[in-house]
Amino acid sequence: MEKLVSSDRKEQVLVDSFCQKLVEEFNRSPARVGSRALQATQVRGWFLDKLPASTPKPASLPTTSEEKPLASEPDALVSEIKTSASEEKALALDTSISNNEDALSPDLPKDKVPEFEDLQFEAKSSKDSAWYDVALFLAHRKTSLGEVEVRVRFIGYGAEEDEWVNVRKAVRQQSIPLESSECRSIVKGDLVLCFKESNDEALHFDAHVVDVQRKQHDIRGCRCLFHVEYDHDQSQEMVNLKRISRRPRYL
């Protein structure tokens, strides 16, 4: 992968189909027997972190038949979540129980609230506390406490990795990657989705910004550093903007 970053194919490595093919080869490797399968978004995130900020980003390819957007989900699931106009807003815009909607970055343009059918979602796995993009909502149910749960399939994973997750606590609209010019929209105290790498995995976790070191931008783009604390284990590290996605904000 390091060779691909430095080769004349560096633009190709960000294409969805290329990342999907590469992750399939990784998952078939004997060295990963017994390990949880990687997903294409993890590989693409690794390339984004390694490539220069000036590298052109290819447009996303059309969604495949295995990666259907929420608009194609069964009517029963949509009607269950949209039990009323007020509940629809609460569920669709709920970013997580730890998100502080009152602490919005003052200089960030407010996002227009999208139509429910246009939303793309991410869900939090109970296995590792990481957030994954949702490919399909397969079924729904109510618990004995009246909570709504949905069975999700994550993009890049098979049926063996499907999970039941709580709609209010573990399903939300996808986080938004940031361009270099948007670095000032992230301030101390913000909840962000942060790409964390370790020796055996690279996953996206919720984190709060502890501090920001503003630096002069150059031809490579944003050079600012963000001190973050991960919510799931309270570990801290310094990361660059490429590893951060912000949460959607609304009027």
C-alpha atoms as a PDB file:
ATOM      1  CA  MET A   1       0.000   0.000   0.000  1.00  0.00           C
ATOM      2  CA  GLU A   2       2.916   2.341   0.699  1.00  0.00           C
ATOM      3  CA  LYS A   3       4.150   1.710  -2.863  1.00  0.00           C
ATOM      4  CA  LEU A   4       0.727   2.593  -4.280  1.00  0.00           C
ATOM      5  CA  VAL A   5       0.776   5.947  -2.436  1.00  0.00           C
ATOM      6  CA  SER A   6       4.094   6.911  -4.049  1.00  0.00           C
ATOM      7  CA  SER A   7       3.296   5.540  -7.522  1.00  0.00           C
ATOM      8  CA  ASP A   8       1.630   7.213 -10.493  1.00  0.00           C
ATOM      9  CA  ARG A   9      -1.578   5.337  -9.526  1.00  0.00           C
ATOM     10  CA  LYS A  10      -2.150   7.435  -6.390  1.00  0.00           C
ATOM     11  CA  GLU A  11      -5.387   8.899  -7.778  1.00  0.00           C
ATOM     12  CA  GLN A  12      -6.732   5.436  -8.569  1.00  0.00           C
ATOM     13  CA  VAL A  13      -6.358   4.205  -4.979  1.00  0.00           C
ATOM     14  CA  LEU A  14      -9.201   6.523  -3.878  1.00  0.00           C
ATOM     15  CA  VAL A  15     -11.707   5.031  -6.339  1.00  0.00           C
ATOM     16  CA  ASP A  16     -14.363   3.022  -4.506  1.00  0.00           C
ATOM     17  CA  SER A  17     -14.107  -0.037  -6.765  1.00  0.00           C
ATOM     18  CA  PHE A  18     -10.323  -0.174  -6.373  1.00  0.00           C
ATOM     19  CA  CYS A  19     -10.560  -0.024  -2.547  1.00  0.00           C
ATOM     20  CA  GLN A  20     -13.245  -2.720  -2.571  1.00  0.00           C
ATOM     21  CA  LYS A  21     -11.086  -5.039  -4.701  1.00  0.00           C
ATOM     22  CA  LEU A  22      -8.071  -4.418  -2.488  1.00  0.00           C
ATOM     23  CA  VAL A  23      -9.968  -5.100   0.747  1.00  0.00           C
ATOM     24  CA  GLU A  24     -11.323  -8.365  -0.687  1.00  0.00           C
ATOM     25  CA  GLU A  25      -7.753  -9.506  -1.340  1.00  0.00           C
ATOM     26  CA  PHE A  26      -6.758  -8.554   2.214  1.00  0.00           C
ATOM     27  CA  ASN A  27      -9.676 -10.459   3.716  1.00  0.00           C
ATOM     28  CA  ARG A  28      -8.742 -13.607   1.769  1.00  0.00           C
ATOM     29  CA  SER A  29      -5.191 -13.478   3.088  1.00  0.00           C
ATOM     30  CA  PRO A  30      -4.219 -16.421   5.351  1.00  0.00           C
ATOM     31  CA  ALA A  31      -2.728 -13.902   7.799  1.00  0.00           C
ATOM     32  CA  ARG A  32      -6.234 -12.549   8.558  1.00  0.00           C
ATOM     33  CA  VAL A  33      -7.859 -15.896   9.328  1.00  0.00           C
ATOM     34  CA  GLY A  34      -9.943 -15.449  12.478  1.00  0.00           C
ATOM     35  CA  SER A  35      -9.834 -11.645  12.286  1.00  0.00           C
ATOM     36  CA  ARG A  36     -12.816  -9.402  11.633  1.00  0.00           C
ATOM     37  CA  ALA A  37     -13.071  -8.509   7.957  1.00  0.00           C
ATOM     38  CA  LEU A  38     -11.797  -5.146   6.806  1.00  0.00           C
ATOM     39  CA  GLN A  39     -14.074  -2.786   4.880  1.00  0.00           C
ATOM     40  CA  ALA A  40     -13.345  -0.612   1.879  1.00  0.00           C
ATOM     41  CA  THR A  41     -13.942   2.635   3.791  1.00  0.00           C
ATOM     42  CA  GLN A  42     -11.096   1.736   6.172  1.00  0.00           C
ATOM     43  CA  VAL A  43      -8.670   1.204   3.275  1.00  0.00           C
ATOM     44  CA  ARG A  44      -9.783   4.444   1.588  1.00  0.00           C
ATOM     45  CA  GLY A  45      -9.370   6.299   4.891  1.00  0.00           C
ATOM     46  CA  TRP A  46      -5.811   4.973   5.213  1.00  0.00           C
ATOM     47  CA  PHE A  47      -4.971   6.221   1.695  1.00  0.00           C
ATOM     48  CA  LEU A  48      -6.547   9.632   2.432  1.00  0.00           C
ATOM     49  CA  ASP A  49      -4.371   9.948   5.511  1.00  0.00           C
ATOM     50  CA  LYS A  50      -1.192   9.139   3.569  1.00  0.00           C
ATOM     51  CA  LEU A  51      -1.795  11.068   0.335  1.00  0.00           C
ATOM     52  CA  PRO A  52      -0.944  14.765  -0.066  1.00  0.00           C
ATOM     53  CA  ALA A  53      -3.901  17.090   0.487  1.00  0.00           C
ATOM     54  CA  SER A  54      -3.562  18.299  -3.125  1.00  0.00           C
ATOM     55  CA  THR A  55      -4.329  14.847  -4.574  1.00  0.00           C
ATOM     56  CA  PRO A  56      -7.557  15.066  -6.652  1.00  0.00           C
ATOM     57  CA  LYS A  57     -10.425  13.175  -5.030  1.00  0.00           C
ATOM     58  CA  PRO A  58     -12.437  11.030  -7.501  1.00  0.00           C
ATOM     59  CA  ALA A  59     -16.197  11.255  -7.500  1.00  0.00           C
ATOM     60  CA  SER A  60     -17.973   8.439  -5.711  1.00  0.00           C
ATOM     61  CA  LEU A  61     -19.066   5.614  -7.967  1.00  0.00           C
ATOM     62  CA  PRO A  62     -22.730   4.550  -8.164  1.00  0.00           C
ATOM     63  CA  THR A  63     -23.863   2.438  -5.248  1.00  0.00           C
ATOM     64  CA  THR A  64     -23.669  -1.300  -5.964  1.00  0.00           C
ATOM     65  CA  SER A  65     -26.522  -3.728  -5.513  1.00  0.00           C
ATOM     66  CA  GLU A  66     -25.015  -4.825  -2.162  1.00  0.00           C
ATOM     67  CA  GLU A  67     -24.697  -1.241  -0.922  1.00  0.00           C
ATOM     68  CA  LYS A  68     -28.210   0.111  -1.206  1.00  0.00           C
ATOM     69  CA  PRO A  69     -29.014   3.500   0.335  1.00  0.00           C
ATOM     70  CA  LEU A  70     -31.635   3.936   3.008  1.00  0.00           C
ATOM     71  CA  ALA A  71     -34.196   5.077   0.415  1.00  0.00           C
ATOM     72  CA  SER A  72     -34.489   1.471  -0.809  1.00  0.00           C
ATOM     73  CA  GLU A  73     -35.175  -0.048   2.614  1.00  0.00           C
ATOM     74  CA  PRO A  74     -38.482  -1.814   3.366  1.00  0.00           C
ATOM     75  CA  ASP A  75     -41.433   0.457   3.973  1.00  0.00           C
ATOM     76  CA  ALA A  76     -42.047  -1.304   7.277  1.00  0.00           C
ATOM     77  CA  LEU A  77     -38.737  -0.090   8.691  1.00  0.00           C
ATOM     78  CA  VAL A  78     -39.284   3.486   7.541  1.00  0.00           C
ATOM     79  CA  SER A  79     -42.804   3.590   8.940  1.00  0.00           C
ATOM     80  CA  GLU A  80     -41.566   2.189  12.262  1.00  0.00           C
ATOM     81  CA  ILE A  81     -38.920   4.894  12.610  1.00  0.00           C
ATOM     82  CA  LYS A  82     -41.222   7.650  11.300  1.00  0.00           C
ATOM     83  CA  THR A  83     -44.042   7.034  13.767  1.00  0.00           C
ATOM     84  CA  SER A  84     -44.807  10.733  13.871  1.00  0.00           C
ATOM     85  CA  ALA A  85     -43.361  13.977  12.540  1.00  0.00           C
ATOM     86  CA  SER A  86     -41.721  14.798  15.871  1.00  0.00           C
ATOM     87  CA  GLU A  87     -40.279  11.314  16.343  1.00  0.00           C
ATOM     88  CA  GLU A  88     -38.954  11.313  12.780  1.00  0.00           C
ATOM     89  CA  LYS A  89     -36.981  14.470  13.476  1.00  0.00           C
ATOM     90  CA  ALA A  90     -35.669  13.130  16.759  1.00  0.00           C
ATOM     91  CA  LEU A  91     -34.512   9.857  15.235  1.00  0.00           C
ATOM     92  CA  ALA A  92     -33.133  11.195  11.967  1.00  0.00           C
ATOM     93  CA  LEU A  93     -31.169  14.028  13.545  1.00  0.00           C
ATOM     94  CA  ASP A  94     -30.046  12.299  16.738  1.00  0.00           C
ATOM     95  CA  THR A  95     -26.259  12.313  16.602  1.00  0.00           C
ATOM     96  CA  SER A  96     -25.694  10.289  19.805  1.00  0.00           C
ATOM     97  CA  ILE A  97     -26.407  10.630  23.478  1.00  0.00           C
ATOM     98  CA  SER A  98     -22.980  12.199  24.005  1.00  0.00           C
ATOM     99  CA  ASN A  99     -23.289  14.917  21.357  1.00  0.00           C
ATOM    100  CA  ASN A 100     -23.747  18.437  22.668  1.00  0.00           C
ATOM    101  CA  GLU A 101     -25.960  20.169  20.111  1.00  0.00           C
ATOM    102  CA  ASP A 102     -25.714  23.471  22.036  1.00  0.00           C
ATOM    103  CA  ALA A 103     -21.955  23.714  21.515  1.00  0.00           C
ATOM    104  CA  LEU A 104     -21.954  24.375  17.773  1.00  0.00           C
ATOM    105  CA  SER A 105     -18.994  25.946  16.015  1.00  0.00           C
ATOM    106  CA  PRO A 106     -20.115  29.586  15.461  1.00  0.00           C
ATOM    107  CA  ASP A 107     -18.266  30.041  12.159  1.00  0.00           C
ATOM    108  CA  LEU A 108     -19.597  26.873  10.490  1.00  0.00           C
ATOM    109  CA  PRO A 109     -22.390  27.375   7.929  1.00  0.00           C
ATOM    110  CA  LYS A 110     -25.484  25.548   9.077  1.00  0.00           C
ATOM    111  CA  ASP A 111     -26.389  22.462   7.056  1.00  0.00           C
ATOM    112  CA  LYS A 112     -29.751  22.356   5.412  1.00  0.00           C
ATOM    113  CA  VAL A 113     -31.818  19.594   6.978  1.00  0.00           C
ATOM    114  CA  PRO A 114     -31.991  16.867   4.300  1.00  0.00           C
ATOM    115  CA  GLU A 115     -35.043  14.857   3.380  1.00  0.00           C
ATOM    116  CA  PHE A 116     -35.278  11.585   5.304  1.00  0.00           C
ATOM    117  CA  GLU A 117     -35.078   9.546   2.104  1.00  0.00           C
ATOM    118  CA  ASP A 118     -31.766  11.204   1.133  1.00  0.00           C
ATOM    119  CA  LEU A 119     -29.956  10.428   4.385  1.00  0.00           C
ATOM    120  CA  GLN A 120     -27.056   8.008   4.593  1.00  0.00           C
ATOM    121  CA  PHE A 121     -26.391   6.411   7.974  1.00  0.00           C
ATOM    122  CA  GLU A 122     -23.649   5.008  10.155  1.00  0.00           C
ATOM    123  CA  ALA A 123     -24.116   2.639  13.077  1.00  0.00           C
ATOM    124  CA  LYS A 124     -22.091   1.878  16.187  1.00  0.00           C
ATOM    125  CA  SER A 125     -20.990  -1.721  16.650  1.00  0.00           C
ATOM    126  CA  SER A 126     -21.369  -3.207  20.121  1.00  0.00           C
ATOM    127  CA  LYS A 127     -18.352  -5.424  19.396  1.00  0.00           C
ATOM    128  CA  ASP A 128     -15.720  -2.687  19.248  1.00  0.00           C
ATOM    129  CA  SER A 129     -17.554   0.650  19.791  1.00  0.00           C
ATOM    130  CA  ALA A 130     -16.517   1.760  16.278  1.00  0.00           C
ATOM    131  CA  TRP A 131     -18.838   3.414  13.763  1.00  0.00           C
ATOM    132  CA  TYR A 132     -19.435   1.801  10.344  1.00  0.00           C
ATOM    133  CA  ASP A 133     -21.376   2.979   7.282  1.00  0.00           C
ATOM    134  CA  VAL A 134     -24.725   1.214   6.914  1.00  0.00           C
ATOM    135  CA  ALA A 135     -25.441  -0.654   3.684  1.00  0.00           C
ATOM    136  CA  LEU A 136     -28.854  -2.097   4.606  1.00  0.00           C
ATOM    137  CA  PHE A 137     -31.481  -1.998   7.325  1.00  0.00           C
ATOM    138  CA  LEU A 138     -32.672  -5.615   7.338  1.00  0.00           C
ATOM    139  CA  ALA A 139     -35.332  -5.744  10.057  1.00  0.00           C
ATOM    140  CA  HIS A 140     -36.650  -3.930  13.104  1.00  0.00           C
ATOM    141  CA  ARG A 141     -38.102  -4.826  16.482  1.00  0.00           C
ATOM    142  CA  LYS A 142     -39.118  -3.330  19.832  1.00  0.00           C
ATOM    143  CA  THR A 143     -37.496  -4.397  23.065  1.00  0.00           C
ATOM    144  CA  SER A 144     -39.365  -5.113  26.291  1.00  0.00           C
ATOM    145  CA  LEU A 145     -38.555  -1.534  27.330  1.00  0.00           C
ATOM    146  CA  GLY A 146     -40.166  -0.121  24.192  1.00  0.00           C
ATOM    147  CA  GLU A 147     -36.863   0.795  22.500  1.00  0.00           C
ATOM    148  CA  VAL A 148     -36.618   0.398  18.721  1.00  0.00           C
ATOM    149  CA  GLU A 149     -33.753  -1.745  17.397  1.00  0.00           C
ATOM    150  CA  VAL A 150     -32.770  -2.373  13.794  1.00  0.00           C
ATOM    151  CA  ARG A 151     -30.669  -5.121  12.287  1.00  0.00           C
ATOM    152  CA  VAL A 152     -27.988  -3.536  10.107  1.00  0.00           C
ATOM    153  CA  ARG A 153     -25.537  -4.756   7.498  1.00  0.00           C
ATOM    154  CA  PHE A 154     -22.361  -2.736   7.312  1.00  0.00           C
ATOM    155  CA  ILE A 155     -20.850  -1.671   3.996  1.00  0.00           C
ATOM    156  CA  GLY A 156     -18.030  -4.047   3.076  1.00  0.00           C
ATOM    157  CA  TYR A 157     -19.172  -6.818   5.446  1.00  0.00           C
ATOM    158  CA  GLY A 158     -21.226  -9.967   4.991  1.00  0.00           C
ATOM    159  CA  ALA A 159     -24.269 -11.377   6.779  1.00  0.00           C
ATOM    160  CA  GLU A 160     -22.104 -12.919   9.502  1.00  0.00           C
ATOM    161  CA  GLU A 161     -21.302  -9.395  10.764  1.00  0.00           C
ATOM    162  CA  ASP A 162     -24.934  -8.160  10.911  1.00  0.00           C
ATOM    163  CA  GLU A 163     -25.914  -6.623  14.266  1.00  0.00           C
ATOM    164  CA  TRP A 164     -28.988  -5.496  16.166  1.00  0.00           C
ATOM    165  CA  VAL A 165     -28.428  -1.894  17.276  1.00  0.00           C
ATOM    166  CA  ASN A 166     -30.478   0.640  19.209  1.00  0.00           C
ATOM    167  CA  VAL A 167     -31.900   3.299  16.871  1.00  0.00           C
ATOM    168  CA  ARG A 168     -31.544   6.211  19.300  1.00  0.00           C
ATOM    169  CA  LYS A 169     -28.125   5.354  20.704  1.00  0.00           C
ATOM    170  CA  ALA A 170     -26.294   3.662  17.830  1.00  0.00           C
ATOM    171  CA  VAL A 171     -27.729   4.918  14.515  1.00  0.00           C
ATOM    172  CA  ARG A 172     -27.145   8.396  13.110  1.00  0.00           C
ATOM    173  CA  GLN A 173     -26.554  10.289   9.888  1.00  0.00           C
ATOM    174  CA  GLN A 174     -23.122   9.778   8.375  1.00  0.00           C
ATOM    175  CA  SER A 175     -20.313  12.018   9.568  1.00  0.00           C
ATOM    176  CA  ILE A 176     -18.880  14.500   7.050  1.00  0.00           C
ATOM    177  CA  PRO A 177     -15.199  14.496   5.924  1.00  0.00           C
ATOM    178  CA  LEU A 178     -13.522  17.898   6.008  1.00  0.00           C
ATOM    179  CA  GLU A 179     -11.589  19.826   3.386  1.00  0.00           C
ATOM    180  CA  SER A 180      -8.501  21.859   4.317  1.00  0.00           C
ATOM    181  CA  SER A 181     -10.455  25.127   4.132  1.00  0.00           C
ATOM    182  CA  GLU A 182     -12.907  23.873   6.783  1.00  0.00           C
ATOM    183  CA  CYS A 183     -10.394  23.307   9.593  1.00  0.00           C
ATOM    184  CA  ARG A 184     -11.615  26.324  11.580  1.00  0.00           C
ATOM    185  CA  SER A 185     -15.043  24.729  11.879  1.00  0.00           C
ATOM    186  CA  ILE A 186     -13.527  22.318  14.419  1.00  0.00           C
ATOM    187  CA  VAL A 187     -13.033  23.867  17.863  1.00  0.00           C
ATOM    188  CA  LYS A 188     -12.262  22.718  21.388  1.00  0.00           C
ATOM    189  CA  GLY A 189     -15.067  20.601  22.843  1.00  0.00           C
ATOM    190  CA  ASP A 190     -16.505  19.418  19.509  1.00  0.00           C
ATOM    191  CA  LEU A 191     -17.635  15.826  19.065  1.00  0.00           C
ATOM    192  CA  VAL A 192     -15.979  14.363  15.963  1.00  0.00           C
ATOM    193  CA  LEU A 193     -15.579  10.987  14.297  1.00  0.00           C
ATOM    194  CA  CYS A 194     -11.858  10.204  14.299  1.00  0.00           C
ATOM    195  CA  PHE A 195      -9.909   7.584  12.325  1.00  0.00           C
ATOM    196  CA  LYS A 196      -7.737   5.667  14.819  1.00  0.00           C
ATOM    197  CA  GLU A 197      -4.917   3.361  13.762  1.00  0.00           C
ATOM    198  CA  SER A 198      -3.302   0.653  15.857  1.00  0.00           C
ATOM    199  CA  ASN A 199      -1.068  -2.335  15.167  1.00  0.00           C
ATOM    200  CA  ASP A 200      -3.921  -4.629  14.184  1.00  0.00           C
ATOM    201  CA  GLU A 201      -6.805  -2.394  13.126  1.00  0.00           C
ATOM    202  CA  ALA A 202      -7.872   1.024  11.861  1.00  0.00           C
ATOM    203  CA  LEU A 203     -11.373   2.110  12.865  1.00  0.00           C
ATOM    204  CA  HIS A 204     -13.564   5.196  13.290  1.00  0.00           C
ATOM    205  CA  PHE A 205     -14.444   6.200  16.863  1.00  0.00           C
ATOM    206  CA  ASP A 206     -16.213   9.083  18.559  1.00  0.00           C
ATOM    207  CA  ALA A 207     -13.790  11.569  20.092  1.00  0.00           C
ATOM    208  CA  HIS A 208     -13.907  15.024  21.633  1.00  0.00           C
ATOM    209  CA  VAL A 209     -11.478  17.774  20.724  1.00  0.00           C
ATOM    210  CA  VAL A 210      -9.331  18.666  23.729  1.00  0.00           C
ATOM    211  CA  ASP A 211      -7.268  21.372  22.026  1.00  0.00           C
ATOM    212  CA  VAL A 212      -6.345  22.703  18.583  1.00  0.00           C
ATOM    213  CA  GLN A 213      -2.914  23.847  17.389  1.00  0.00           C
ATOM    214  CA  ARG A 214      -3.565  26.223  14.494  1.00  0.00           C
ATOM    215  CA  LYS A 215      -0.759  26.248  11.927  1.00  0.00           C
ATOM    216  CA  GLN A 216      -0.121  28.100   8.690  1.00  0.00           C
ATOM    217  CA  HIS A 217      -1.509  26.242   5.684  1.00  0.00           C
ATOM    218  CA  ASP A 218       0.840  25.511   2.772  1.00  0.00           C
ATOM    219  CA  ILE A 219       0.711  23.842  -0.637  1.00  0.00           C
ATOM    220  CA  ARG A 220      -0.042  20.534   1.081  1.00  0.00           C
ATOM    221  CA  GLY A 221      -3.156  21.986   2.692  1.00  0.00           C
ATOM    222  CA  CYS A 222      -4.090  22.153   6.385  1.00  0.00           C
ATOM    223  CA  ARG A 223      -1.190  21.662   8.792  1.00  0.00           C
ATOM    224  CA  CYS A 224      -3.223  22.147  11.976  1.00  0.00           C
ATOM    225  CA  LEU A 225      -3.073  19.520  14.713  1.00  0.00           C
ATOM    226  CA  PHE A 226      -6.024  18.380  16.813  1.00  0.00           C
ATOM    227  CA  HIS A 227      -5.632  16.920  20.292  1.00  0.00           C
ATOM    228  CA  VAL A 228      -8.487  14.443  20.712  1.00  0.00           C
ATOM    229  CA  GLU A 229      -9.714  12.122  23.444  1.00  0.00           C
ATOM    230  CA  TYR A 230     -11.555   8.985  22.302  1.00  0.00           C
ATOM    231  CA  ASP A 231     -14.869   8.420  24.046  1.00  0.00           C
ATOM    232  CA  HIS A 232     -14.673   4.611  24.169  1.00  0.00           C
ATOM    233  CA  ASP A 233     -11.356   4.265  26.047  1.00  0.00           C
ATOM    234  CA  GLN A 234     -10.340   7.839  27.031  1.00  0.00           C
ATOM    235  CA  SER A 235      -7.021   7.493  25.166  1.00  0.00           C
ATOM    236  CA  GLN A 236      -5.629  10.676  23.610  1.00  0.00           C
ATOM    237  CA  GLU A 237      -3.511  11.555  20.592  1.00  0.00           C
ATOM    238  CA  MET A 238      -2.676  14.320  18.134  1.00  0.00           C
ATOM    239  CA  VAL A 239      -4.249  13.921  14.690  1.00  0.00           C
ATOM    240  CA  ASN A 240      -4.416  15.923  11.481  1.00  0.00           C
ATOM    241  CA  LEU A 241      -7.559  17.097   9.709  1.00  0.00           C
ATOM    242  CA  LYS A 242      -7.592  14.155   7.286  1.00  0.00           C
ATOM    243  CA  ARG A 243      -8.443  11.814  10.144  1.00  0.00           C
ATOM    244  CA  ILE A 244     -11.441  13.834  11.348  1.00  0.00           C
ATOM    245  CA  SER A 245     -15.041  13.918  10.172  1.00  0.00           C
ATOM    246  CA  ARG A 246     -17.508  16.347  11.725  1.00  0.00           C
ATOM    247  CA  ARG A 247     -21.031  15.677  12.828  1.00  0.00           C
ATOM    248  CA  PRO A 248     -23.907  17.202  10.809  1.00  0.00           C
ATOM    249  CA  ARG A 249     -25.348  20.375  12.317  1.00  0.00           C
ATOM    250  CA  TYR A 250     -28.742  21.896  11.715  1.00  0.00           C
ATOM    251  CA  LEU A 251     -30.605  25.137  12.156  1.00  0.00           C
END
